[in-house]
N, C-alpha and C. Protein backbone atom coordinates (compact mmCIF):
# COMPACT_ATOMS: atom_id res chain seq x y z
N MET A 1 127.82 89.92 35.15
CA MET A 1 127.67 88.90 36.15
C MET A 1 128.16 89.38 37.51
N LYS A 2 129.31 90.13 37.48
CA LYS A 2 129.84 90.64 38.73
C LYS A 2 128.84 91.58 39.39
N LYS A 3 128.14 92.36 38.61
CA LYS A 3 127.17 93.30 39.17
C LYS A 3 126.03 92.56 39.87
N ILE A 4 125.61 91.45 39.35
CA ILE A 4 124.53 90.67 39.98
C ILE A 4 124.99 90.08 41.31
N VAL A 5 126.22 89.55 41.33
CA VAL A 5 126.76 88.98 42.57
C VAL A 5 126.88 90.07 43.63
N TYR A 6 127.41 91.24 43.24
CA TYR A 6 127.52 92.35 44.19
C TYR A 6 126.13 92.81 44.66
N ALA A 7 125.18 92.81 43.75
CA ALA A 7 123.83 93.25 44.09
C ALA A 7 123.18 92.28 45.09
N VAL A 8 123.52 91.02 45.06
CA VAL A 8 122.96 90.03 45.99
C VAL A 8 123.73 90.05 47.32
N ILE A 9 125.03 90.15 47.27
CA ILE A 9 125.85 90.08 48.48
C ILE A 9 125.72 91.34 49.32
N LEU A 10 125.68 92.50 48.69
CA LEU A 10 125.60 93.76 49.42
C LEU A 10 124.39 93.83 50.36
N PRO A 11 123.16 93.50 49.93
CA PRO A 11 122.03 93.52 50.86
C PRO A 11 122.18 92.49 51.99
N LEU A 12 122.77 91.33 51.68
CA LEU A 12 122.99 90.32 52.73
C LEU A 12 123.94 90.83 53.80
N VAL A 13 125.00 91.51 53.40
CA VAL A 13 125.96 92.06 54.35
C VAL A 13 125.31 93.13 55.20
N VAL A 14 124.51 93.98 54.59
CA VAL A 14 123.85 95.06 55.32
C VAL A 14 122.85 94.48 56.33
N VAL A 15 122.04 93.53 55.89
CA VAL A 15 121.02 92.93 56.77
C VAL A 15 121.69 92.18 57.92
N SER A 16 122.72 91.39 57.63
CA SER A 16 123.39 90.65 58.72
C SER A 16 124.05 91.60 59.70
N GLY A 17 124.59 92.72 59.21
CA GLY A 17 125.18 93.72 60.10
C GLY A 17 124.13 94.32 61.02
N LEU A 18 122.96 94.63 60.47
CA LEU A 18 121.88 95.17 61.29
C LEU A 18 121.40 94.17 62.34
N VAL A 19 121.27 92.92 61.93
CA VAL A 19 120.83 91.88 62.88
C VAL A 19 121.85 91.73 64.00
N PHE A 20 123.12 91.67 63.66
CA PHE A 20 124.16 91.52 64.67
C PHE A 20 124.19 92.72 65.62
N ALA A 21 124.07 93.93 65.07
CA ALA A 21 124.07 95.14 65.89
C ALA A 21 122.86 95.15 66.83
N ASN A 22 121.70 94.74 66.33
CA ASN A 22 120.49 94.70 67.14
C ASN A 22 120.64 93.69 68.28
N ARG A 23 121.28 92.56 67.99
CA ARG A 23 121.48 91.54 69.02
C ARG A 23 122.37 92.07 70.14
N GLU A 24 123.41 92.82 69.80
CA GLU A 24 124.28 93.39 70.82
C GLU A 24 123.54 94.39 71.68
N ILE A 25 122.68 95.19 71.08
CA ILE A 25 121.90 96.18 71.82
C ILE A 25 120.96 95.46 72.80
N GLU A 26 120.31 94.37 72.35
CA GLU A 26 119.43 93.61 73.23
C GLU A 26 120.20 92.99 74.39
N ASN A 27 121.40 92.46 74.11
CA ASN A 27 122.22 91.87 75.18
C ASN A 27 122.60 92.92 76.21
N GLU A 28 122.97 94.12 75.76
CA GLU A 28 123.32 95.19 76.69
C GLU A 28 122.12 95.59 77.54
N ALA A 29 120.95 95.65 76.91
CA ALA A 29 119.74 96.02 77.64
C ALA A 29 119.40 94.97 78.70
N SER A 30 119.57 93.69 78.36
CA SER A 30 119.26 92.65 79.34
C SER A 30 120.26 92.65 80.49
N LYS A 31 121.52 92.99 80.20
CA LYS A 31 122.51 93.07 81.27
C LYS A 31 122.20 94.22 82.22
N LYS A 32 121.73 95.33 81.67
CA LYS A 32 121.40 96.48 82.49
C LYS A 32 120.18 96.23 83.35
N SER A 33 119.20 95.43 82.84
CA SER A 33 117.96 95.20 83.59
C SER A 33 118.15 94.22 84.75
N THR A 34 119.22 93.45 84.74
CA THR A 34 119.48 92.53 85.83
C THR A 34 119.83 93.33 87.07
N SER A 35 119.05 93.14 88.11
CA SER A 35 119.27 93.94 89.32
C SER A 35 120.22 93.21 90.28
N LYS A 36 120.91 93.99 91.04
CA LYS A 36 121.80 93.45 92.06
C LYS A 36 120.97 93.05 93.27
N PRO A 37 121.45 92.10 94.05
CA PRO A 37 120.74 91.77 95.28
C PRO A 37 120.70 92.99 96.20
N LEU A 38 119.61 93.10 96.93
CA LEU A 38 119.45 94.24 97.83
C LEU A 38 120.40 94.11 99.02
N SER A 39 120.89 95.22 99.47
CA SER A 39 121.73 95.21 100.66
C SER A 39 120.84 95.02 101.89
N ALA A 40 121.44 94.78 103.02
CA ALA A 40 120.68 94.57 104.25
C ALA A 40 119.82 95.79 104.59
N ALA A 41 120.37 96.98 104.40
CA ALA A 41 119.62 98.20 104.70
C ALA A 41 118.43 98.36 103.75
N GLU A 42 118.64 98.02 102.48
CA GLU A 42 117.56 98.13 101.51
C GLU A 42 116.45 97.11 101.80
N ARG A 43 116.85 95.89 102.18
CA ARG A 43 115.86 94.87 102.55
C ARG A 43 115.06 95.31 103.76
N LYS A 44 115.74 95.87 104.74
CA LYS A 44 115.06 96.33 105.95
C LYS A 44 114.08 97.45 105.63
N ALA A 45 114.47 98.36 104.74
CA ALA A 45 113.58 99.45 104.34
C ALA A 45 112.37 98.91 103.58
N ALA A 46 112.60 97.93 102.71
CA ALA A 46 111.49 97.33 101.96
C ALA A 46 110.53 96.60 102.89
N LEU A 47 111.07 95.92 103.90
CA LEU A 47 110.23 95.22 104.88
C LEU A 47 109.40 96.22 105.68
N LYS A 48 110.01 97.31 106.11
CA LYS A 48 109.27 98.35 106.84
C LYS A 48 108.14 98.91 105.98
N LYS A 49 108.44 99.14 104.71
CA LYS A 49 107.44 99.67 103.79
C LYS A 49 106.28 98.68 103.64
N TRP A 50 106.60 97.37 103.50
CA TRP A 50 105.56 96.36 103.37
C TRP A 50 104.73 96.25 104.65
N GLU A 51 105.37 96.33 105.80
CA GLU A 51 104.66 96.22 107.08
C GLU A 51 103.64 97.34 107.26
N ALA A 52 103.80 98.45 106.54
CA ALA A 52 102.86 99.56 106.63
C ALA A 52 101.64 99.35 105.72
N THR A 53 101.70 98.37 104.81
CA THR A 53 100.57 98.10 103.92
C THR A 53 99.50 97.33 104.69
N PRO A 54 98.27 97.29 104.19
CA PRO A 54 97.21 96.54 104.87
C PRO A 54 97.56 95.06 105.06
N ASP A 55 98.18 94.44 104.06
CA ASP A 55 98.58 93.03 104.20
C ASP A 55 99.64 92.87 105.29
N GLY A 56 100.59 93.79 105.34
CA GLY A 56 101.63 93.73 106.37
C GLY A 56 101.07 93.90 107.76
N ILE A 57 100.13 94.82 107.92
CA ILE A 57 99.50 95.04 109.23
C ILE A 57 98.73 93.80 109.66
N LYS A 58 98.01 93.21 108.70
CA LYS A 58 97.24 91.99 108.98
C LYS A 58 98.17 90.85 109.41
N TYR A 59 99.30 90.71 108.70
CA TYR A 59 100.26 89.66 109.04
C TYR A 59 100.85 89.88 110.43
N LYS A 60 101.23 91.11 110.76
CA LYS A 60 101.81 91.40 112.08
C LYS A 60 100.81 91.09 113.20
N LYS A 61 99.53 91.40 112.97
CA LYS A 61 98.51 91.08 113.97
C LYS A 61 98.39 89.58 114.15
N TRP A 62 98.40 88.84 113.03
CA TRP A 62 98.31 87.38 113.11
C TRP A 62 99.53 86.81 113.83
N GLU A 63 100.70 87.34 113.54
CA GLU A 63 101.94 86.88 114.14
C GLU A 63 101.91 87.03 115.66
N ALA A 64 101.30 88.10 116.15
CA ALA A 64 101.24 88.37 117.59
C ALA A 64 100.06 87.67 118.26
N SER A 65 99.12 87.15 117.48
CA SER A 65 97.94 86.50 118.05
C SER A 65 98.31 85.14 118.65
N PRO A 66 97.47 84.60 119.53
CA PRO A 66 97.74 83.27 120.09
C PRO A 66 97.84 82.20 119.00
N GLU A 67 97.02 82.31 117.96
CA GLU A 67 97.07 81.34 116.86
C GLU A 67 98.42 81.40 116.14
N GLY A 68 98.91 82.61 115.87
CA GLY A 68 100.20 82.78 115.21
C GLY A 68 101.35 82.28 116.06
N ARG A 69 101.31 82.59 117.36
CA ARG A 69 102.37 82.11 118.26
C ARG A 69 102.37 80.59 118.33
N LYS A 70 101.18 79.96 118.27
CA LYS A 70 101.08 78.49 118.30
C LYS A 70 101.74 77.90 117.05
N VAL A 71 101.51 78.52 115.89
CA VAL A 71 102.11 78.05 114.63
C VAL A 71 103.63 78.16 114.70
N PHE A 72 104.14 79.29 115.18
CA PHE A 72 105.60 79.47 115.28
C PHE A 72 106.21 78.51 116.30
N ALA A 73 105.50 78.22 117.37
CA ALA A 73 106.00 77.26 118.36
C ALA A 73 106.07 75.86 117.75
N GLY A 74 105.07 75.50 116.94
CA GLY A 74 105.09 74.21 116.25
C GLY A 74 106.25 74.09 115.29
N GLU A 75 106.53 75.17 114.58
CA GLU A 75 107.68 75.18 113.68
C GLU A 75 108.98 74.98 114.43
N ALA A 76 109.12 75.68 115.55
CA ALA A 76 110.35 75.61 116.34
C ALA A 76 110.58 74.20 116.87
N LYS A 77 109.48 73.49 117.19
CA LYS A 77 109.59 72.13 117.74
C LYS A 77 110.27 71.16 116.78
N ILE A 78 110.05 71.33 115.50
CA ILE A 78 110.60 70.36 114.54
C ILE A 78 111.77 70.92 113.72
N ARG A 79 112.18 72.14 114.00
CA ARG A 79 113.24 72.78 113.21
C ARG A 79 114.53 71.96 113.19
N ARG A 80 114.93 71.38 114.32
CA ARG A 80 116.16 70.59 114.37
C ARG A 80 116.07 69.35 113.48
N ASP A 81 114.91 68.68 113.50
CA ASP A 81 114.72 67.49 112.65
C ASP A 81 114.74 67.87 111.18
N LEU A 82 114.21 69.03 110.86
CA LEU A 82 114.19 69.48 109.46
C LEU A 82 115.60 69.77 108.97
N SER A 83 116.38 70.49 109.78
CA SER A 83 117.73 70.84 109.33
C SER A 83 118.62 69.61 109.21
N ALA A 84 118.37 68.59 110.01
CA ALA A 84 119.15 67.35 109.93
C ALA A 84 118.54 66.35 108.95
N PHE A 85 117.36 66.65 108.39
CA PHE A 85 116.63 65.74 107.52
C PHE A 85 116.49 64.37 108.17
N SER A 86 116.13 64.40 109.46
CA SER A 86 116.00 63.15 110.20
C SER A 86 114.55 62.69 110.26
N ASN A 87 114.36 61.45 110.68
CA ASN A 87 113.03 60.85 110.74
C ASN A 87 112.18 61.51 111.81
N MET A 88 110.92 61.77 111.47
CA MET A 88 109.93 62.27 112.43
C MET A 88 108.75 61.31 112.39
N GLU A 89 108.40 60.77 113.55
CA GLU A 89 107.24 59.88 113.61
C GLU A 89 105.97 60.72 113.60
N ALA A 90 105.01 60.31 112.79
CA ALA A 90 103.76 61.06 112.66
C ALA A 90 102.59 60.09 112.60
N VAL A 91 101.41 60.61 112.97
CA VAL A 91 100.17 59.86 112.88
C VAL A 91 99.24 60.67 111.99
N VAL A 92 98.64 60.01 111.01
CA VAL A 92 97.70 60.68 110.11
C VAL A 92 96.43 60.97 110.88
N THR A 93 96.03 62.24 110.94
CA THR A 93 94.81 62.61 111.67
C THR A 93 93.66 62.95 110.74
N SER A 94 93.95 63.32 109.50
CA SER A 94 92.91 63.62 108.52
C SER A 94 93.49 63.44 107.13
N LEU A 95 92.67 62.91 106.22
CA LEU A 95 93.14 62.68 104.86
C LEU A 95 92.87 63.87 103.94
N SER A 96 92.34 64.93 104.51
CA SER A 96 92.08 66.13 103.71
C SER A 96 92.69 67.34 104.40
N LEU A 97 92.88 68.37 103.64
CA LEU A 97 93.43 69.62 104.17
C LEU A 97 92.29 70.50 104.67
N PRO A 98 92.60 71.53 105.44
CA PRO A 98 91.55 72.44 105.91
C PRO A 98 90.76 73.02 104.73
N PRO A 99 89.47 73.31 104.94
CA PRO A 99 88.64 73.85 103.86
C PRO A 99 89.23 75.13 103.27
N GLY A 100 89.17 75.24 101.95
CA GLY A 100 89.66 76.43 101.27
C GLY A 100 91.15 76.46 101.04
N SER A 101 91.85 75.38 101.36
CA SER A 101 93.31 75.41 101.19
C SER A 101 93.68 75.26 99.72
N ARG A 102 94.81 75.85 99.36
CA ARG A 102 95.30 75.80 97.98
C ARG A 102 96.71 75.23 97.94
N LEU A 103 96.94 74.21 98.73
CA LEU A 103 98.28 73.64 98.83
C LEU A 103 98.46 72.41 97.95
N GLY A 104 97.44 72.00 97.22
CA GLY A 104 97.52 70.80 96.41
C GLY A 104 97.15 69.59 97.24
N PHE A 105 97.81 68.47 96.96
CA PHE A 105 97.53 67.24 97.70
C PHE A 105 98.24 67.28 99.04
N GLY A 106 97.57 66.84 100.08
CA GLY A 106 98.17 66.81 101.39
C GLY A 106 97.24 66.17 102.41
N MET A 107 97.68 66.15 103.65
CA MET A 107 96.90 65.56 104.74
C MET A 107 97.33 66.21 106.05
N MET A 108 96.57 65.98 107.07
CA MET A 108 96.90 66.47 108.41
C MET A 108 97.59 65.35 109.18
N VAL A 109 98.66 65.70 109.90
CA VAL A 109 99.39 64.72 110.70
C VAL A 109 99.69 65.31 112.08
N ARG A 110 99.94 64.43 113.03
CA ARG A 110 100.33 64.86 114.37
C ARG A 110 101.75 64.36 114.63
N ILE A 111 102.63 65.31 114.96
CA ILE A 111 104.02 65.01 115.28
C ILE A 111 104.28 65.52 116.68
N ASN A 112 104.71 64.67 117.57
CA ASN A 112 105.02 65.04 118.96
C ASN A 112 103.88 65.84 119.62
N GLY A 113 102.66 65.45 119.37
CA GLY A 113 101.51 66.08 120.02
C GLY A 113 100.99 67.35 119.36
N ASP A 114 101.63 67.83 118.30
CA ASP A 114 101.17 69.02 117.58
C ASP A 114 100.68 68.63 116.19
N ASP A 115 99.65 69.34 115.72
CA ASP A 115 99.11 69.09 114.39
C ASP A 115 99.84 69.91 113.34
N TYR A 116 100.05 69.30 112.17
CA TYR A 116 100.74 69.93 111.06
C TYR A 116 100.00 69.60 109.76
N ILE A 117 100.13 70.48 108.79
CA ILE A 117 99.68 70.18 107.44
C ILE A 117 100.88 69.56 106.72
N LEU A 118 100.69 68.37 106.16
CA LEU A 118 101.73 67.72 105.38
C LEU A 118 101.35 67.90 103.91
N SER A 119 102.08 68.75 103.22
CA SER A 119 101.74 69.13 101.85
C SER A 119 102.73 68.54 100.86
N PHE A 120 102.19 68.01 99.76
CA PHE A 120 103.03 67.41 98.73
C PHE A 120 103.03 68.19 97.42
N GLY A 121 102.16 69.18 97.29
CA GLY A 121 102.09 69.97 96.06
C GLY A 121 100.94 69.52 95.19
N PRO A 122 100.81 70.14 94.02
CA PRO A 122 99.67 69.83 93.15
C PRO A 122 99.77 68.44 92.54
N GLU A 123 98.62 67.81 92.40
CA GLU A 123 98.57 66.52 91.72
C GLU A 123 98.60 66.75 90.23
N LYS A 124 99.36 65.93 89.55
CA LYS A 124 99.45 66.04 88.09
C LYS A 124 98.55 64.98 87.47
N PHE A 125 97.86 65.38 86.43
CA PHE A 125 96.99 64.46 85.73
C PHE A 125 97.53 64.22 84.34
N ASP A 126 97.26 63.01 83.79
CA ASP A 126 97.74 62.75 82.44
C ASP A 126 96.82 63.39 81.41
N GLN A 127 97.04 63.11 80.13
CA GLN A 127 96.36 63.82 79.06
C GLN A 127 94.84 63.74 79.11
N ASN A 128 94.27 62.63 79.52
CA ASN A 128 92.81 62.53 79.48
C ASN A 128 92.15 63.05 80.75
N PHE A 129 92.91 63.58 81.69
CA PHE A 129 92.42 64.23 82.90
C PHE A 129 91.59 63.30 83.80
N LEU A 130 91.53 62.03 83.49
CA LEU A 130 90.75 61.12 84.33
C LEU A 130 91.64 60.34 85.29
N ASN A 131 92.84 60.08 84.89
CA ASN A 131 93.75 59.30 85.72
C ASN A 131 94.78 60.22 86.36
N SER A 132 94.91 60.13 87.67
CA SER A 132 95.93 60.93 88.33
C SER A 132 97.28 60.26 88.15
N ASN A 133 98.31 61.01 88.24
CA ASN A 133 99.67 60.51 88.13
C ASN A 133 99.93 59.54 89.28
N ASN A 134 100.75 58.54 89.06
CA ASN A 134 101.04 57.54 90.09
C ASN A 134 101.94 58.06 91.20
N GLU A 135 102.38 59.32 91.11
CA GLU A 135 103.31 59.89 92.09
C GLU A 135 102.75 59.77 93.51
N PHE A 136 101.46 60.01 93.71
CA PHE A 136 100.85 59.98 95.04
C PHE A 136 100.00 58.73 95.27
N LYS A 137 100.10 57.76 94.39
CA LYS A 137 99.22 56.58 94.46
C LYS A 137 99.28 55.90 95.83
N GLN A 138 100.47 55.66 96.34
CA GLN A 138 100.60 54.97 97.63
C GLN A 138 100.16 55.86 98.79
N LEU A 139 100.30 57.16 98.65
CA LEU A 139 99.83 58.07 99.70
C LEU A 139 98.31 58.05 99.82
N HIS A 140 97.63 57.83 98.70
CA HIS A 140 96.17 57.76 98.73
C HIS A 140 95.68 56.54 99.50
N SER A 141 96.54 55.54 99.69
CA SER A 141 96.12 54.33 100.42
C SER A 141 96.21 54.50 101.94
N LEU A 142 96.78 55.62 102.41
CA LEU A 142 96.88 55.84 103.86
C LEU A 142 95.49 56.05 104.47
N LYS A 143 95.38 55.68 105.73
CA LYS A 143 94.13 55.84 106.47
C LYS A 143 94.39 56.66 107.72
N VAL A 144 93.32 57.17 108.31
CA VAL A 144 93.43 57.91 109.57
C VAL A 144 94.00 56.97 110.62
N ASN A 145 94.87 57.48 111.48
CA ASN A 145 95.57 56.77 112.56
C ASN A 145 96.72 55.89 112.07
N ASP A 146 97.06 55.93 110.78
CA ASP A 146 98.24 55.22 110.30
C ASP A 146 99.49 55.93 110.81
N LYS A 147 100.48 55.15 111.22
CA LYS A 147 101.75 55.71 111.67
C LYS A 147 102.71 55.72 110.49
N ILE A 148 103.35 56.88 110.30
CA ILE A 148 104.28 57.05 109.19
C ILE A 148 105.55 57.74 109.69
N ILE A 149 106.59 57.61 108.91
CA ILE A 149 107.85 58.31 109.16
C ILE A 149 107.98 59.38 108.07
N ILE A 150 108.27 60.60 108.49
CA ILE A 150 108.38 61.72 107.55
C ILE A 150 109.78 62.30 107.64
N ARG A 151 110.30 62.71 106.49
CA ARG A 151 111.51 63.54 106.44
C ARG A 151 111.19 64.73 105.56
N SER A 152 111.67 65.88 105.97
CA SER A 152 111.41 67.10 105.21
C SER A 152 112.55 68.07 105.40
N HIS A 153 112.66 68.99 104.45
CA HIS A 153 113.66 70.05 104.54
C HIS A 153 113.02 71.39 104.90
N ASN A 154 111.68 71.48 104.80
CA ASN A 154 111.07 72.79 104.87
C ASN A 154 109.78 72.79 105.67
N VAL A 155 109.60 73.84 106.47
CA VAL A 155 108.33 74.11 107.13
C VAL A 155 108.02 75.58 106.89
N SER A 156 106.75 75.87 106.65
CA SER A 156 106.35 77.25 106.39
C SER A 156 105.06 77.55 107.13
N HIS A 157 104.58 78.76 106.97
CA HIS A 157 103.35 79.17 107.63
C HIS A 157 102.64 80.22 106.79
N ALA A 158 101.37 80.38 107.06
CA ALA A 158 100.58 81.42 106.39
C ALA A 158 99.43 81.77 107.31
N PRO A 159 99.06 83.05 107.37
CA PRO A 159 97.97 83.46 108.25
C PRO A 159 96.65 82.75 107.94
N LYS A 160 96.52 82.26 106.73
CA LYS A 160 95.30 81.56 106.32
C LYS A 160 95.13 80.23 107.06
N TYR A 161 96.22 79.63 107.50
CA TYR A 161 96.19 78.30 108.10
C TYR A 161 96.55 78.36 109.58
N SER A 162 95.89 77.52 110.37
CA SER A 162 96.13 77.48 111.81
C SER A 162 97.22 76.49 112.19
N TYR A 163 97.89 75.95 111.19
CA TYR A 163 98.91 74.92 111.44
C TYR A 163 100.15 75.22 110.62
N PRO A 164 101.33 74.80 111.11
CA PRO A 164 102.53 74.89 110.28
C PRO A 164 102.38 73.95 109.08
N ILE A 165 103.01 74.31 107.97
CA ILE A 165 102.92 73.54 106.74
C ILE A 165 104.26 72.86 106.49
N VAL A 166 104.29 71.54 106.57
CA VAL A 166 105.51 70.76 106.35
C VAL A 166 105.48 70.24 104.91
N SER A 167 106.55 70.48 104.18
CA SER A 167 106.65 69.95 102.81
C SER A 167 107.03 68.49 102.89
N GLY A 168 106.25 67.65 102.25
CA GLY A 168 106.53 66.22 102.26
C GLY A 168 107.61 65.87 101.26
N ASP A 169 108.79 65.50 101.75
CA ASP A 169 109.89 65.10 100.87
C ASP A 169 110.07 63.58 100.85
N TYR A 170 109.71 62.93 101.96
CA TYR A 170 109.94 61.50 102.09
C TYR A 170 108.93 60.96 103.10
N VAL A 171 108.24 59.88 102.73
CA VAL A 171 107.27 59.25 103.64
C VAL A 171 107.51 57.74 103.61
N GLU A 172 107.53 57.16 104.79
CA GLU A 172 107.77 55.73 104.93
C GLU A 172 106.69 55.16 105.85
N GLN A 173 106.21 53.96 105.55
CA GLN A 173 105.24 53.28 106.40
C GLN A 173 105.66 51.82 106.54
N ASP A 174 105.77 51.35 107.76
CA ASP A 174 106.17 49.97 108.05
C ASP A 174 107.45 49.57 107.32
N GLY A 175 108.42 50.47 107.27
CA GLY A 175 109.70 50.17 106.65
C GLY A 175 109.71 50.27 105.13
N ASN A 176 108.56 50.57 104.52
CA ASN A 176 108.48 50.69 103.07
C ASN A 176 108.36 52.17 102.68
N ILE A 177 109.15 52.59 101.72
CA ILE A 177 109.06 53.96 101.22
C ILE A 177 107.80 54.06 100.37
N ILE A 178 106.89 54.96 100.75
CA ILE A 178 105.68 55.13 99.96
C ILE A 178 105.69 56.44 99.17
N TYR A 179 106.60 57.34 99.49
CA TYR A 179 106.75 58.55 98.69
C TYR A 179 108.15 59.12 98.90
N LYS A 180 108.74 59.53 97.79
CA LYS A 180 110.04 60.22 97.83
C LYS A 180 110.01 61.27 96.73
N ARG A 181 110.17 62.53 97.11
CA ARG A 181 110.11 63.62 96.14
C ARG A 181 111.25 63.47 95.14
N ALA A 182 110.93 63.60 93.88
CA ALA A 182 111.94 63.52 92.82
C ALA A 182 112.82 64.77 92.90
N PRO A 183 114.12 64.63 92.67
CA PRO A 183 114.99 65.81 92.70
C PRO A 183 114.63 66.76 91.57
N ARG A 184 114.93 68.04 91.76
CA ARG A 184 114.66 69.04 90.74
C ARG A 184 115.49 68.76 89.50
N LYS A 185 114.92 69.10 88.37
CA LYS A 185 115.64 68.91 87.11
C LYS A 185 116.34 70.21 86.74
N GLY A 186 117.57 70.10 86.29
CA GLY A 186 118.29 71.24 85.78
C GLY A 186 118.77 72.23 86.81
N GLY A 187 118.88 71.83 88.06
CA GLY A 187 119.34 72.77 89.06
C GLY A 187 119.97 72.06 90.23
N CYS A 188 120.24 72.80 91.24
CA CYS A 188 120.87 72.26 92.44
C CYS A 188 119.85 71.59 93.32
């Protein structure tokens, strides 16, 4: 009987030892693959390298063009409101985004005389793909020339677009909140 117990336990001990050893090796490999943040000099070198690529050259040309300077000027105009997350009065100028855009749901708005893309991200559909999520339901009721209040934390740009892109975090119309971005789950 003792021989049978030893015969069963011995392979279990060997297999569990191999599994445990393999797990430690994988953990060490994953620790080694984690890279450190690049230093300022390394980032600068990587940026120089990218600027020499065709995409980098194209971006630099756009940045120096009148269209690019107009986009950066528009960003600078609202930067203070963005950092303070303060109210910005806007007028809806178009209910659709420029042709060929891949920003998800959004609209064109005018803030302080400049046009901006107000982007909310992709629309989510439920299981039967016929009904859109209610997240943007009230935004779909907006019309051209409606006055709204916007708050945002972020503005971005891309050479593909002739306008700065404002992320829609909060939209209010006539004192009623019609959209408020849900906070991220599981993070800061």
